[in-house]
Amino acid sequence: MILATTEPWPDLENCLAVLTPQIRALGCELLVGDGHGEALDPERVAASPWLSWIRRPGASVFDLRAEAAGLARGEIVALTEDHCVVAPDWCAQILEAFRLHPDASAVAGEVLNGSPEHLMDWANYLHSFGSSLPPYDDPERWYRTPPAANVAFRRSVLPNQAPEPGWLELELSPRLFQEKRFGMHGGMRVTHVQSYGFWLMLRMHFDNGRSTTGLRHAHFSRDRLPWSLYRSTVRGFSKATEYRRVIRQSLPLVFLLSCAHSLGALAGAVAGPGGSPARLR
């Protein structure tokens, strides 16, 4: 299990409170990539033989996930994010997902919105995770690469050493998804909790666009234009009828975030990732 963060303790406390009993029960290992330097309580680390603390102050979440992937020893390597709260049976459901999809090289599940109070938070969630809304058993909605907030890989598809930063999220996952080697399992759930306010959210989506384009050394293409991003985003949650009202109210902000992401993608294609990866969570 890999968890990357750039925030100090106790930012990880809620996430670890749910993860720790599962890791102990199943005999898993947890690798925490710490880009802050003080993301964990040293006493907790000392008392947890199953926890490895990778301290790299200044490193991005892409750097941290890559290094942790090179150190992981388990046959299954799972990812989530520091601001996500996994379900109480998340680890067990990952094993169940691979049992149900024995030929899959990776599995993914639902990502729920844990910040429903403000429309900008809904827009942020929908822009990144709209295709992970329940119901998750509709194959027509599985058109977008599953996000790193809720995925797990077989160790056999990972290299024996640390890959390049961004390779897991921007190269491996899209390739496995395009090759139909992902298994989708609705019982594998996490809740995404993120609320930064209007302007900081725009900056975050700019940084996301610049990182995902710059780290891949990709050219700026038509699918990165604001309207293309917006249209592909809306397509993912078009059948989530339970959330129709809040989706409709959030659409102008979703388009605004698409514009910010598109501008960041242009900057990444022209000038590389810059400092954007280090600012992402």
Foldseek 3Di string as FASTA:
>chain_A
DEEEDADAPPLQVQQCVLVVVVCVVVVAAYEYEYQNQHNDDVVVVVVDPRYHYHYHHLDFSLVRVLQVLLVHDDQKAAFAYSQKHWDNCQVVVLVVLCVVVVQAQKEWEAEAEPAPPDLLSVLLCLLQHLLRDPPVPDVQLLPDQHASRTMMGGNVQPDNGRDQRPCVGQPVRVVSSVVVRYGYDHVNYMYGYDDDDDPVSLVLLLLVLLQNQQSVLHAQDPCLPLVNSLVNSCSSNVPVVVCVVSCVVNSVSNSSSSNSSSNSNNCSNVPGSPSSSSPHD
